């Protein structure tokens, strides 16, 4: 291992996204590198077709590496866009039908009230 730091494991081996080496650079500097800025600056409201999609803020155009490697750029959708869209729409149907709890395990929401209350502060 060369100490390379990447935005996620999917970018390992792609030199453009290497933030630097843990052996040679400070983590803070690597987090502000061009490779990291490309990923963290990705905005689903800025590129089509995501900006026009009703579920974009639930999906977030999930994997930047997938979009970059499989569809040719960070300003593209992921290769599995249709699959993710159907998952979100299916979840909404379960919630609307009142059947979502049939698919969730007991205790799945433990601690969520605390998290939501904290977020509202």
PDB file of N, CA and C in Angstrom:
ATOM      1  N   UNK A   1       0.846  -1.188   0.000  1.00  0.00           N
ATOM      2  CA  UNK A   1       0.000   0.000   0.000  1.00  0.00           C
ATOM      3  C   UNK A   1       0.882   1.239   0.000  1.00  0.00           C
ATOM      4  N   UNK A   2       0.488   2.198  -0.807  1.00  0.00           N
ATOM      5  CA  UNK A   2       1.294   3.411  -0.935  1.00  0.00           C
ATOM      6  C   UNK A   2       0.769   4.567  -0.093  1.00  0.00           C
ATOM      7  N   UNK A   3      -0.267   4.315   0.704  1.00  0.00           N
ATOM      8  CA  UNK A   3      -0.832   5.362   1.545  1.00  0.00           C
ATOM      9  C   UNK A   3      -1.788   6.275   0.819  1.00  0.00           C
ATOM     10  N   UNK A   4      -2.139   5.910  -0.410  1.00  0.00           N
ATOM     11  CA  UNK A   4      -3.037   6.750  -1.201  1.00  0.00           C
ATOM     12  C   UNK A   4      -4.404   6.898  -0.559  1.00  0.00           C
ATOM     13  N   UNK A   5      -4.920   8.113  -0.581  1.00  0.00           N
ATOM     14  CA  UNK A   5      -6.243   8.394  -0.038  1.00  0.00           C
ATOM     15  C   UNK A   5      -7.156   8.803  -1.191  1.00  0.00           C
ATOM     16  N   UNK A   6      -8.287   8.106  -1.291  1.00  0.00           N
ATOM     17  CA  UNK A   6      -9.254   8.327  -2.360  1.00  0.00           C
ATOM     18  C   UNK A   6     -10.616   8.646  -1.749  1.00  0.00           C
ATOM     19  N   UNK A   7     -11.508   9.309  -2.499  1.00  0.00           N
ATOM     20  CA  UNK A   7     -12.840   9.635  -1.979  1.00  0.00           C
ATOM     21  C   UNK A   7     -13.638   8.403  -1.558  1.00  0.00           C
ATOM     22  N   UNK A   8     -13.452   7.286  -2.256  1.00  0.00           N
ATOM     23  CA  UNK A   8     -14.037   6.009  -1.855  1.00  0.00           C
ATOM     24  C   UNK A   8     -13.259   4.902  -2.550  1.00  0.00           C
ATOM     25  N   UNK A   9     -13.511   3.669  -2.163  1.00  0.00           N
ATOM     26  CA  UNK A   9     -12.746   2.541  -2.695  1.00  0.00           C
ATOM     27  C   UNK A   9     -12.930   2.369  -4.196  1.00  0.00           C
ATOM     28  N   UNK A  10     -14.031   2.842  -4.740  1.00  0.00           N
ATOM     29  CA  UNK A  10     -14.273   2.705  -6.178  1.00  0.00           C
ATOM     30  C   UNK A  10     -13.313   3.554  -7.017  1.00  0.00           C
ATOM     31  N   UNK A  11     -12.662   4.529  -6.411  1.00  0.00           N
ATOM     32  CA  UNK A  11     -11.736   5.390  -7.142  1.00  0.00           C
ATOM     33  C   UNK A  11     -10.286   4.917  -7.060  1.00  0.00           C
ATOM     34  N   UNK A  12     -10.009   3.901  -6.260  1.00  0.00           N
ATOM     35  CA  UNK A  12      -8.637   3.410  -6.127  1.00  0.00           C
ATOM     36  C   UNK A  12      -8.126   2.986  -7.497  1.00  0.00           C
ATOM     37  N   UNK A  13      -6.947   3.450  -7.819  1.00  0.00           N
ATOM     38  CA  UNK A  13      -6.351   3.137  -9.111  1.00  0.00           C
ATOM     39  C   UNK A  13      -6.618   4.184 -10.177  1.00  0.00           C
ATOM     40  N   UNK A  14      -7.461   5.158  -9.877  1.00  0.00           N
ATOM     41  CA  UNK A  14      -7.728   6.253 -10.817  1.00  0.00           C
ATOM     42  C   UNK A  14      -6.935   7.473 -10.343  1.00  0.00           C
ATOM     43  N   UNK A  15      -5.770   7.718 -10.934  1.00  0.00           N
ATOM     44  CA  UNK A  15      -4.859   8.766 -10.445  1.00  0.00           C
ATOM     45  C   UNK A  15      -5.510  10.135 -10.263  1.00  0.00           C
ATOM     46  N   UNK A  16      -6.461  10.463 -11.110  1.00  0.00           N
ATOM     47  CA  UNK A  16      -7.109  11.778 -11.037  1.00  0.00           C
ATOM     48  C   UNK A  16      -7.792  12.009  -9.687  1.00  0.00           C
ATOM     49  N   UNK A  17      -8.202  10.923  -9.029  1.00  0.00           N
ATOM     50  CA  UNK A  17      -8.959  11.036  -7.782  1.00  0.00           C
ATOM     51  C   UNK A  17      -8.114  10.770  -6.536  1.00  0.00           C
ATOM     52  N   UNK A  18      -6.837  10.546  -6.715  1.00  0.00           N
ATOM     53  CA  UNK A  18      -5.950  10.303  -5.573  1.00  0.00           C
ATOM     54  C   UNK A  18      -5.677  11.638  -4.892  1.00  0.00           C
ATOM     55  N   UNK A  19      -6.081  11.722  -3.630  1.00  0.00           N
ATOM     56  CA  UNK A  19      -5.909  12.969  -2.899  1.00  0.00           C
ATOM     57  C   UNK A  19      -4.493  13.214  -2.441  1.00  0.00           C
ATOM     58  N   UNK A  20      -3.696  12.174  -2.409  1.00  0.00           N
ATOM     59  CA  UNK A  20      -2.327  12.254  -1.932  1.00  0.00           C
ATOM     60  C   UNK A  20      -1.996  11.001  -1.154  1.00  0.00           C
ATOM     61  N   UNK A  21      -0.872  11.025  -0.465  1.00  0.00           N
ATOM     62  CA  UNK A  21      -0.421   9.883   0.322  1.00  0.00           C
ATOM     63  C   UNK A  21      -0.448  10.219   1.803  1.00  0.00           C
ATOM     64  N   UNK A  22      -0.965   9.294   2.582  1.00  0.00           N
ATOM     65  CA  UNK A  22      -0.985   9.478   4.036  1.00  0.00           C
ATOM     66  C   UNK A  22       0.426   9.585   4.604  1.00  0.00           C
ATOM     67  N   UNK A  23       1.404   9.073   3.857  1.00  0.00           N
ATOM     68  CA  UNK A  23       2.793   9.127   4.302  1.00  0.00           C
ATOM     69  C   UNK A  23       3.457  10.462   3.982  1.00  0.00           C
ATOM     70  N   UNK A  24       2.835  11.238   3.097  1.00  0.00           N
ATOM     71  CA  UNK A  24       3.490  12.452   2.615  1.00  0.00           C
ATOM     72  C   UNK A  24       2.692  13.734   2.836  1.00  0.00           C
ATOM     73  N   UNK A  25       1.384  13.608   3.070  1.00  0.00           N
ATOM     74  CA  UNK A  25       0.536  14.802   3.149  1.00  0.00           C
ATOM     75  C   UNK A  25      -0.362  14.765   4.374  1.00  0.00           C
ATOM     76  N   UNK A  26      -0.834  15.920   4.768  1.00  0.00           N
ATOM     77  CA  UNK A  26      -1.808  16.023   5.846  1.00  0.00           C
ATOM     78  C   UNK A  26      -3.185  15.643   5.298  1.00  0.00           C
ATOM     79  N   UNK A  27      -3.970  14.957   6.118  1.00  0.00           N
ATOM     80  CA  UNK A  27      -5.295  14.515   5.688  1.00  0.00           C
ATOM     81  C   UNK A  27      -6.148  15.709   5.265  1.00  0.00           C
ATOM     82  N   UNK A  28      -6.115  16.781   6.017  1.00  0.00           N
ATOM     83  CA  UNK A  28      -6.921  17.965   5.691  1.00  0.00           C
ATOM     84  C   UNK A  28      -6.619  18.468   4.284  1.00  0.00           C
ATOM     85  N   UNK A  29      -5.356  18.501   3.917  1.00  0.00           N
ATOM     86  CA  UNK A  29      -4.976  18.951   2.574  1.00  0.00           C
ATOM     87  C   UNK A  29      -5.497  17.990   1.514  1.00  0.00           C
ATOM     88  N   UNK A  30      -5.431  16.701   1.788  1.00  0.00           N
ATOM     89  CA  UNK A  30      -5.912  15.716   0.818  1.00  0.00           C
ATOM     90  C   UNK A  30      -7.420  15.821   0.629  1.00  0.00           C
ATOM     91  N   UNK A  31      -8.143  16.122   1.705  1.00  0.00           N
ATOM     92  CA  UNK A  31      -9.595  16.250   1.610  1.00  0.00           C
ATOM     93  C   UNK A  31     -10.011  17.454   0.768  1.00  0.00           C
ATOM     94  N   UNK A  32      -9.100  18.387   0.574  1.00  0.00           N
ATOM     95  CA  UNK A  32      -9.375  19.567  -0.251  1.00  0.00           C
ATOM     96  C   UNK A  32      -8.690  19.487  -1.615  1.00  0.00           C
ATOM     97  N   UNK A  33      -8.173  18.323  -1.952  1.00  0.00           N
ATOM     98  CA  UNK A  33      -7.504  18.137  -3.243  1.00  0.00           C
ATOM     99  C   UNK A  33      -8.522  18.163  -4.378  1.00  0.00           C
ATOM    100  N   UNK A  34      -8.029  18.323  -5.591  1.00  0.00           N
ATOM    101  CA  UNK A  34      -8.895  18.368  -6.772  1.00  0.00           C
ATOM    102  C   UNK A  34      -9.736  17.097  -6.885  1.00  0.00           C
ATOM    103  N   UNK A  35      -9.128  15.936  -6.663  1.00  0.00           N
ATOM    104  CA  UNK A  35      -9.861  14.673  -6.759  1.00  0.00           C
ATOM    105  C   UNK A  35     -11.027  14.590  -5.795  1.00  0.00           C
ATOM    106  N   UNK A  36     -10.831  15.050  -4.581  1.00  0.00           N
ATOM    107  CA  UNK A  36     -11.910  15.042  -3.592  1.00  0.00           C
ATOM    108  C   UNK A  36     -12.955  16.101  -3.919  1.00  0.00           C
ATOM    109  N   UNK A  37     -12.511  17.275  -4.389  1.00  0.00           N
ATOM    110  CA  UNK A  37     -13.463  18.342  -4.741  1.00  0.00           C
ATOM    111  C   UNK A  37     -14.381  17.926  -5.885  1.00  0.00           C
ATOM    112  N   UNK A  38     -13.865  17.136  -6.818  1.00  0.00           N
ATOM    113  CA  UNK A  38     -14.710  16.653  -7.915  1.00  0.00           C
ATOM    114  C   UNK A  38     -15.879  15.831  -7.386  1.00  0.00           C
ATOM    115  N   UNK A  39     -15.615  15.053  -6.345  1.00  0.00           N
ATOM    116  CA  UNK A  39     -16.651  14.183  -5.785  1.00  0.00           C
ATOM    117  C   UNK A  39     -17.562  14.955  -4.834  1.00  0.00           C
ATOM    118  N   UNK A  40     -16.979  15.690  -3.905  1.00  0.00           N
ATOM    119  CA  UNK A  40     -17.798  16.387  -2.911  1.00  0.00           C
ATOM    120  C   UNK A  40     -18.561  17.567  -3.507  1.00  0.00           C
ATOM    121  N   UNK A  41     -18.102  18.084  -4.629  1.00  0.00           N
ATOM    122  CA  UNK A  41     -18.784  19.197  -5.273  1.00  0.00           C
ATOM    123  C   UNK A  41     -19.874  18.769  -6.246  1.00  0.00           C
ATOM    124  N   UNK A  42     -20.034  17.486  -6.403  1.00  0.00           N
ATOM    125  CA  UNK A  42     -21.051  16.966  -7.332  1.00  0.00           C
ATOM    126  C   UNK A  42     -22.436  17.322  -6.802  1.00  0.00           C
ATOM    127  N   UNK A  43     -23.261  17.929  -7.657  1.00  0.00           N
ATOM    128  CA  UNK A  43     -24.561  18.446  -7.237  1.00  0.00           C
ATOM    129  C   UNK A  43     -25.644  17.950  -8.187  1.00  0.00           C
ATOM    130  N   UNK A  44     -26.568  17.144  -7.680  1.00  0.00           N
ATOM    131  CA  UNK A  44     -27.620  16.574  -8.529  1.00  0.00           C
ATOM    132  C   UNK A  44     -28.556  17.639  -9.093  1.00  0.00           C
ATOM    133  N   UNK A  45     -28.546  18.829  -8.524  1.00  0.00           N
ATOM    134  CA  UNK A  45     -29.378  19.909  -9.061  1.00  0.00           C
ATOM    135  C   UNK A  45     -28.701  20.618 -10.233  1.00  0.00           C
ATOM    136  N   UNK A  46     -27.461  20.250 -10.524  1.00  0.00           N
ATOM    137  CA  UNK A  46     -26.700  20.972 -11.536  1.00  0.00           C
ATOM    138  C   UNK A  46     -26.639  20.287 -12.897  1.00  0.00           C
ATOM    139  N   UNK A  47     -26.993  19.009 -12.986  1.00  0.00           N
ATOM    140  CA  UNK A  47     -26.863  18.344 -14.283  1.00  0.00           C
ATOM    141  C   UNK A  47     -28.089  17.501 -14.620  1.00  0.00           C
ATOM    142  N   UNK A  48     -28.422  17.490 -15.929  1.00  0.00           N
ATOM    143  CA  UNK A  48     -29.547  16.663 -16.378  1.00  0.00           C
ATOM    144  C   UNK A  48     -29.099  15.206 -16.484  1.00  0.00           C
ATOM    145  N   UNK A  49     -29.955  14.258 -16.393  1.00  0.00           N
ATOM    146  CA  UNK A  49     -31.381  14.390 -16.117  1.00  0.00           C
ATOM    147  C   UNK A  49     -31.694  14.486 -14.631  1.00  0.00           C
ATOM    148  N   UNK A  50     -30.676  14.416 -13.777  1.00  0.00           N
ATOM    149  CA  UNK A  50     -30.927  14.431 -12.330  1.00  0.00           C
ATOM    150  C   UNK A  50     -31.688  15.675 -11.881  1.00  0.00           C
ATOM    151  N   UNK A  51     -31.297  16.841 -12.380  1.00  0.00           N
ATOM    152  CA  UNK A  51     -31.925  18.074 -11.891  1.00  0.00           C
ATOM    153  C   UNK A  51     -33.426  18.115 -12.159  1.00  0.00           C
ATOM    154  N   UNK A  52     -33.900  17.315 -13.094  1.00  0.00           N
ATOM    155  CA  UNK A  52     -35.324  17.284 -13.419  1.00  0.00           C
ATOM    156  C   UNK A  52     -36.044  16.080 -12.825  1.00  0.00           C
ATOM    157  N   UNK A  53     -35.345  15.280 -12.039  1.00  0.00           N
ATOM    158  CA  UNK A  53     -35.909  14.042 -11.488  1.00  0.00           C
ATOM    159  C   UNK A  53     -36.557  14.302 -10.122  1.00  0.00           C
ATOM    160  N   UNK A  54     -37.754  13.806  -9.944  1.00  0.00           N
ATOM    161  CA  UNK A  54     -38.500  14.029  -8.701  1.00  0.00           C
ATOM    162  C   UNK A  54     -37.854  13.373  -7.491  1.00  0.00           C
ATOM    163  N   UNK A  55     -37.061  12.339  -7.680  1.00  0.00           N
ATOM    164  CA  UNK A  55     -36.482  11.637  -6.526  1.00  0.00           C
ATOM    165  C   UNK A  55     -35.005  11.965  -6.309  1.00  0.00           C
ATOM    166  N   UNK A  56     -34.477  12.985  -6.978  1.00  0.00           N
ATOM    167  CA  UNK A  56     -33.037  13.254  -6.941  1.00  0.00           C
ATOM    168  C   UNK A  56     -32.478  13.434  -5.535  1.00  0.00           C
ATOM    169  N   UNK A  57     -33.264  13.965  -4.614  1.00  0.00           N
ATOM    170  CA  UNK A  57     -32.733  14.191  -3.269  1.00  0.00           C
ATOM    171  C   UNK A  57     -32.842  12.956  -2.384  1.00  0.00           C
ATOM    172  N   UNK A  58     -33.543  11.952  -2.833  1.00  0.00           N
ATOM    173  CA  UNK A  58     -33.570  10.672  -2.126  1.00  0.00           C
ATOM    174  C   UNK A  58     -32.453   9.787  -2.656  1.00  0.00           C
ATOM    175  N   UNK A  59     -32.211   9.873  -3.922  1.00  0.00           N
ATOM    176  CA  UNK A  59     -31.223   9.050  -4.606  1.00  0.00           C
ATOM    177  C   UNK A  59     -29.839   9.690  -4.537  1.00  0.00           C
ATOM    178  N   UNK A  60     -29.740  10.942  -4.893  1.00  0.00           N
ATOM    179  CA  UNK A  60     -28.471  11.654  -4.878  1.00  0.00           C
ATOM    180  C   UNK A  60     -27.541  11.277  -6.015  1.00  0.00           C
ATOM    181  N   UNK A  61     -28.061  10.608  -7.032  1.00  0.00           N
ATOM    182  CA  UNK A  61     -27.241  10.067  -8.123  1.00  0.00           C
ATOM    183  C   UNK A  61     -26.073   9.318  -7.509  1.00  0.00           C
ATOM    184  N   UNK A  62     -26.379   8.203  -6.871  1.00  0.00           N
ATOM    185  CA  UNK A  62     -25.558   7.558  -5.867  1.00  0.00           C
ATOM    186  C   UNK A  62     -24.048   7.513  -6.033  1.00  0.00           C
ATOM    187  N   UNK A  63     -23.547   6.846  -7.005  1.00  0.00           N
ATOM    188  CA  UNK A  63     -22.114   6.574  -7.008  1.00  0.00           C
ATOM    189  C   UNK A  63     -21.377   7.400  -8.056  1.00  0.00           C
ATOM    190  N   UNK A  64     -20.618   8.399  -7.626  1.00  0.00           N
ATOM    191  CA  UNK A  64     -19.867   9.211  -8.574  1.00  0.00           C
ATOM    192  C   UNK A  64     -18.880   8.393  -9.405  1.00  0.00           C
ATOM    193  N   UNK A  65     -18.255   7.389  -8.796  1.00  0.00           N
ATOM    194  CA  UNK A  65     -17.297   6.554  -9.533  1.00  0.00           C
ATOM    195  C   UNK A  65     -18.006   5.784 -10.634  1.00  0.00           C
ATOM    196  N   UNK A  66     -19.177   5.281 -10.323  1.00  0.00           N
ATOM    197  CA  UNK A  66     -19.982   4.554 -11.305  1.00  0.00           C
ATOM    198  C   UNK A  66     -20.336   5.471 -12.477  1.00  0.00           C
ATOM    199  N   UNK A  67     -20.760   6.684 -12.189  1.00  0.00           N
ATOM    200  CA  UNK A  67     -21.104   7.640 -13.245  1.00  0.00           C
ATOM    201  C   UNK A  67     -19.877   7.965 -14.092  1.00  0.00           C
ATOM    202  N   UNK A  68     -18.759   8.190 -13.428  1.00  0.00           N
ATOM    203  CA  UNK A  68     -17.527   8.558 -14.124  1.00  0.00           C
ATOM    204  C   UNK A  68     -17.014   7.424 -15.006  1.00  0.00           C
ATOM    205  N   UNK A  69     -16.932   6.241 -14.463  1.00  0.00           N
ATOM    206  CA  UNK A  69     -16.339   5.120 -15.187  1.00  0.00           C
ATOM    207  C   UNK A  69     -17.285   4.463 -16.188  1.00  0.00           C
ATOM    208  N   UNK A  70     -18.567   4.383 -15.862  1.00  0.00           N
ATOM    209  CA  UNK A  70     -19.497   3.649 -16.718  1.00  0.00           C
ATOM    210  C   UNK A  70     -20.261   4.545 -17.690  1.00  0.00           C
ATOM    211  N   UNK A  71     -20.412   5.817 -17.334  1.00  0.00           N
ATOM    212  CA  UNK A  71     -21.192   6.704 -18.198  1.00  0.00           C
ATOM    213  C   UNK A  71     -20.410   7.921 -18.673  1.00  0.00           C
ATOM    214  N   UNK A  72     -19.116   7.971 -18.342  1.00  0.00           N
ATOM    215  CA  UNK A  72     -18.251   8.975 -18.945  1.00  0.00           C
ATOM    216  C   UNK A  72     -18.104  10.316 -18.275  1.00  0.00           C
ATOM    217  N   UNK A  73     -18.564  10.482 -17.047  1.00  0.00           N
ATOM    218  CA  UNK A  73     -18.348  11.764 -16.389  1.00  0.00           C
ATOM    219  C   UNK A  73     -19.067  11.893 -15.070  1.00  0.00           C
ATOM    220  N   UNK A  74     -18.561  12.799 -14.258  1.00  0.00           N
ATOM    221  CA  UNK A  74     -19.155  13.047 -12.948  1.00  0.00           C
ATOM    222  C   UNK A  74     -20.501  13.759 -13.070  1.00  0.00           C
ATOM    223  N   UNK A  75     -20.756  14.341 -14.218  1.00  0.00           N
ATOM    224  CA  UNK A  75     -22.016  15.049 -14.438  1.00  0.00           C
ATOM    225  C   UNK A  75     -23.024  14.163 -15.167  1.00  0.00           C
ATOM    226  N   UNK A  76     -22.918  12.886 -14.942  1.00  0.00           N
ATOM    227  CA  UNK A  76     -23.821  11.912 -15.554  1.00  0.00           C
ATOM    228  C   UNK A  76     -24.490  11.096 -14.455  1.00  0.00           C
ATOM    229  N   UNK A  77     -25.558  10.394 -14.828  1.00  0.00           N
ATOM    230  CA  UNK A  77     -26.211   9.506 -13.866  1.00  0.00           C
ATOM    231  C   UNK A  77     -25.381   8.243 -13.711  1.00  0.00           C
ATOM    232  N   UNK A  78     -25.660   7.508 -12.658  1.00  0.00           N
ATOM    233  CA  UNK A  78     -25.030   6.216 -12.482  1.00  0.00           C
ATOM    234  C   UNK A  78     -25.624   5.209 -13.450  1.00  0.00           C
ATOM    235  N   UNK A  79     -24.929   4.107 -13.634  1.00  0.00           N
ATOM    236  CA  UNK A  79     -25.369   3.082 -14.582  1.00  0.00           C
ATOM    237  C   UNK A  79     -26.666   2.408 -14.149  1.00  0.00           C
ATOM    238  N   UNK A  80     -26.979   2.475 -12.865  1.00  0.00           N
ATOM    239  CA  UNK A  80     -28.157   1.782 -12.351  1.00  0.00           C
ATOM    240  C   UNK A  80     -29.267   2.751 -11.958  1.00  0.00           C
ATOM    241  N   UNK A  81     -29.309   3.890 -12.603  1.00  0.00           N
ATOM    242  CA  UNK A  81     -30.272   4.947 -12.296  1.00  0.00           C
ATOM    243  C   UNK A  81     -31.707   4.418 -12.275  1.00  0.00           C
ATOM    244  N   UNK A  82     -32.113   3.702 -13.286  1.00  0.00           N
ATOM    245  CA  UNK A  82     -33.479   3.183 -13.357  1.00  0.00           C
ATOM    246  C   UNK A  82     -33.803   2.249 -12.210  1.00  0.00           C
ATOM    247  N   UNK A  83     -32.829   1.442 -11.817  1.00  0.00           N
ATOM    248  CA  UNK A  83     -33.013   0.520 -10.698  1.00  0.00           C
ATOM    249  C   UNK A  83     -33.216   1.292  -9.395  1.00  0.00           C
ATOM    250  N   UNK A  84     -32.367   2.297  -9.153  1.00  0.00           N
ATOM    251  CA  UNK A  84     -32.499   3.101  -7.934  1.00  0.00           C
ATOM    252  C   UNK A  84     -33.833   3.841  -7.907  1.00  0.00           C
ATOM    253  N   UNK A  85     -34.224   4.366  -9.057  1.00  0.00           N
ATOM    254  CA  UNK A  85     -35.492   5.087  -9.130  1.00  0.00           C
ATOM    255  C   UNK A  85     -36.652   4.168  -8.765  1.00  0.00           C
ATOM    256  N   UNK A  86     -36.635   2.959  -9.272  1.00  0.00           N
ATOM    257  CA  UNK A  86     -37.717   2.021  -8.963  1.00  0.00           C
ATOM    258  C   UNK A  86     -37.712   1.642  -7.483  1.00  0.00           C
ATOM    259  N   UNK A  87     -36.540   1.501  -6.871  1.00  0.00           N
ATOM    260  CA  UNK A  87     -36.465   1.200  -5.437  1.00  0.00           C
ATOM    261  C   UNK A  87     -37.124   2.304  -4.614  1.00  0.00           C
ATOM    262  N   UNK A  88     -36.816   3.556  -4.920  1.00  0.00           N
ATOM    263  CA  UNK A  88     -37.386   4.681  -4.176  1.00  0.00           C
ATOM    264  C   UNK A  88     -38.896   4.743  -4.388  1.00  0.00           C
ATOM    265  N   UNK A  89     -39.332   4.590  -5.615  1.00  0.00           N
ATOM    266  CA  UNK A  89     -40.773   4.638  -5.895  1.00  0.00           C
ATOM    267  C   UNK A  89     -41.506   3.481  -5.196  1.00  0.00           C
ATOM    268  N   UNK A  90     -40.885   2.315  -5.151  1.00  0.00           N
ATOM    269  CA  UNK A  90     -41.474   1.167  -4.464  1.00  0.00           C
ATOM    270  C   UNK A  90     -41.598   1.458  -2.963  1.00  0.00           C
ATOM    271  N   UNK A  91     -40.552   2.033  -2.374  1.00  0.00           N
ATOM    272  CA  UNK A  91     -40.596   2.386  -0.952  1.00  0.00           C
ATOM    273  C   UNK A  91     -41.718   3.387  -0.682  1.00  0.00           C
ATOM    274  N   UNK A  92     -41.878   4.371  -1.552  1.00  0.00           N
ATOM    275  CA  UNK A  92     -42.972   5.337  -1.395  1.00  0.00           C
ATOM    276  C   UNK A  92     -44.330   4.654  -1.473  1.00  0.00           C
ATOM    277  N   UNK A  93     -44.468   3.682  -2.374  1.00  0.00           N
ATOM    278  CA  UNK A  93     -45.742   2.956  -2.479  1.00  0.00           C
ATOM    279  C   UNK A  93     -46.030   2.193  -1.190  1.00  0.00           C
ATOM    280  N   UNK A  94     -45.014   1.561  -0.609  1.00  0.00           N
ATOM    281  CA  UNK A  94     -45.204   0.834   0.649  1.00  0.00           C
ATOM    282  C   UNK A  94     -45.628   1.782   1.765  1.00  0.00           C
ATOM    283  N   UNK A  95     -44.994   2.938   1.819  1.00  0.00           N
ATOM    284  CA  UNK A  95     -45.340   3.927   2.843  1.00  0.00           C
ATOM    285  C   UNK A  95     -46.765   4.422   2.626  1.00  0.00           C
ATOM    286  N   UNK A  96     -47.119   4.758   1.396  1.00  0.00           N
ATOM    287  CA  UNK A  96     -48.462   5.260   1.085  1.00  0.00           C
ATOM    288  C   UNK A  96     -49.534   4.220   1.373  1.00  0.00           C
ATOM    289  N   UNK A  97     -49.219   2.953   1.128  1.00  0.00           N
ATOM    290  CA  UNK A  97     -50.172   1.866   1.374  1.00  0.00           C
ATOM    291  C   UNK A  97     -50.236   1.463   2.844  1.00  0.00           C
ATOM    292  N   UNK A  98     -49.334   2.010   3.656  1.00  0.00           N
ATOM    293  CA  UNK A  98     -49.294   1.654   5.071  1.00  0.00           C
ATOM    294  C   UNK A  98     -48.725   0.271   5.327  1.00  0.00           C
ATOM    295  N   UNK A  99     -47.961  -0.263   4.376  1.00  0.00           N
ATOM    296  CA  UNK A  99     -47.420  -1.618   4.532  1.00  0.00           C
ATOM    297  C   UNK A  99     -45.910  -1.643   4.738  1.00  0.00           C
ATOM    298  N   UNK A 100     -45.284  -0.491   4.873  1.00  0.00           N
ATOM    299  CA  UNK A 100     -43.827  -0.454   5.024  1.00  0.00           C
ATOM    300  C   UNK A 100     -43.361  -1.240   6.243  1.00  0.00           C
ATOM    301  N   UNK A 101     -44.120  -1.188   7.342  1.00  0.00           N
ATOM    302  CA  UNK A 101     -43.716  -1.904   8.557  1.00  0.00           C
ATOM    303  C   UNK A 101     -43.653  -3.411   8.354  1.00  0.00           C
ATOM    304  N   UNK A 102     -44.379  -3.928   7.381  1.00  0.00           N
ATOM    305  CA  UNK A 102     -44.325  -5.362   7.089  1.00  0.00           C
ATOM    306  C   UNK A 102     -42.951  -5.786   6.589  1.00  0.00           C
ATOM    307  N   UNK A 103     -42.165  -4.854   6.102  1.00  0.00           N
ATOM    308  CA  UNK A 103     -40.862  -5.154   5.508  1.00  0.00           C
ATOM    309  C   UNK A 103     -39.688  -4.725   6.385  1.00  0.00           C
ATOM    310  N   UNK A 104     -39.984  -4.116   7.520  1.00  0.00           N
ATOM    311  CA  UNK A 104     -38.939  -3.614   8.403  1.00  0.00           C
ATOM    312  C   UNK A 104     -38.808  -4.501   9.626  1.00  0.00           C
ATOM    313  N   UNK A 105     -37.618  -4.619  10.157  1.00  0.00           N
ATOM    314  CA  UNK A 105     -37.380  -5.442  11.326  1.00  0.00           C
ATOM    315  C   UNK A 105     -37.728  -4.682  12.596  1.00  0.00           C
ATOM    316  N   UNK A 106     -38.049  -5.441  13.638  1.00  0.00           N
ATOM    317  CA  UNK A 106     -38.365  -4.826  14.924  1.00  0.00           C
ATOM    318  C   UNK A 106     -37.172  -4.011  15.405  1.00  0.00           C
ATOM    319  N   UNK A 107     -37.433  -2.811  15.831  1.00  0.00           N
ATOM    320  CA  UNK A 107     -36.393  -1.948  16.374  1.00  0.00           C
ATOM    321  C   UNK A 107     -35.618  -1.155  15.333  1.00  0.00           C
ATOM    322  N   UNK A 108     -36.031  -1.203  14.064  1.00  0.00           N
ATOM    323  CA  UNK A 108     -35.291  -0.500  13.013  1.00  0.00           C
ATOM    324  C   UNK A 108     -35.197   0.997  13.276  1.00  0.00           C
ATOM    325  N   UNK A 109     -36.181   1.533  13.991  1.00  0.00           N
ATOM    326  CA  UNK A 109     -36.218   2.978  14.196  1.00  0.00           C
ATOM    327  C   UNK A 109     -35.692   3.422  15.559  1.00  0.00           C
ATOM    328  N   UNK A 110     -35.069   2.510  16.301  1.00  0.00           N
ATOM    329  CA  UNK A 110     -34.530   2.885  17.612  1.00  0.00           C
ATOM    330  C   UNK A 110     -33.496   3.994  17.448  1.00  0.00           C
ATOM    331  N   UNK A 111     -33.680   5.041  18.194  1.00  0.00           N
ATOM    332  CA  UNK A 111     -32.754   6.161  18.157  1.00  0.00           C
ATOM    333  C   UNK A 111     -33.062   7.208  17.103  1.00  0.00           C
ATOM    334  N   UNK A 112     -34.007   6.936  16.215  1.00  0.00           N
ATOM    335  CA  UNK A 112     -34.283   7.920  15.161  1.00  0.00           C
ATOM    336  C   UNK A 112     -34.940   9.175  15.713  1.00  0.00           C
ATOM    337  N   UNK A 113     -35.764   9.011  16.745  1.00  0.00           N
ATOM    338  CA  UNK A 113     -36.406  10.189  17.318  1.00  0.00           C
ATOM    339  C   UNK A 113     -35.354  11.133  17.879  1.00  0.00           C
ATOM    340  N   UNK A 114     -34.360  10.580  18.544  1.00  0.00           N
ATOM    341  CA  UNK A 114     -33.273  11.391  19.074  1.00  0.00           C
ATOM    342  C   UNK A 114     -32.538  12.085  17.939  1.00  0.00           C
ATOM    343  N   UNK A 115     -32.277  11.357  16.863  1.00  0.00           N
ATOM    344  CA  UNK A 115     -31.574  11.936  15.714  1.00  0.00           C
ATOM    345  C   UNK A 115     -32.378  13.052  15.082  1.00  0.00           C
ATOM    346  N   UNK A 116     -33.682  12.833  14.907  1.00  0.00           N
ATOM    347  CA  UNK A 116     -34.519  13.856  14.296  1.00  0.00           C
ATOM    348  C   UNK A 116     -34.601  15.086  15.188  1.00  0.00           C
ATOM    349  N   UNK A 117     -34.747  14.883  16.492  1.00  0.00           N
ATOM    350  CA  UNK A 117     -34.817  16.021  17.408  1.00  0.00           C
ATOM    351  C   UNK A 117     -33.517  16.812  17.384  1.00  0.00           C
ATOM    352  N   UNK A 118     -32.391  16.102  17.311  1.00  0.00           N
ATOM    353  CA  UNK A 118     -31.093  16.766  17.257  1.00  0.00           C
ATOM    354  C   UNK A 118     -30.968  17.583  15.968  1.00  0.00           C
ATOM    355  N   UNK A 119     -31.442  17.031  14.859  1.00  0.00           N
ATOM    356  CA  UNK A 119     -31.348  17.713  13.565  1.00  0.00           C
ATOM    357  C   UNK A 119     -32.212  18.970  13.528  1.00  0.00           C
ATOM    358  N   UNK A 120     -33.280  18.988  14.300  1.00  0.00           N
ATOM    359  CA  UNK A 120     -34.194  20.131  14.290  1.00  0.00           C
ATOM    360  C   UNK A 120     -33.707  21.290  15.149  1.00  0.00           C
ATOM    361  N   UNK A 121     -32.694  21.062  15.946  1.00  0.00           N
ATOM    362  CA  UNK A 121     -32.186  22.130  16.825  1.00  0.00           C
ATOM    363  C   UNK A 121     -31.490  23.212  16.064  1.00  0.00           C
TER     364      UNK A 121
END
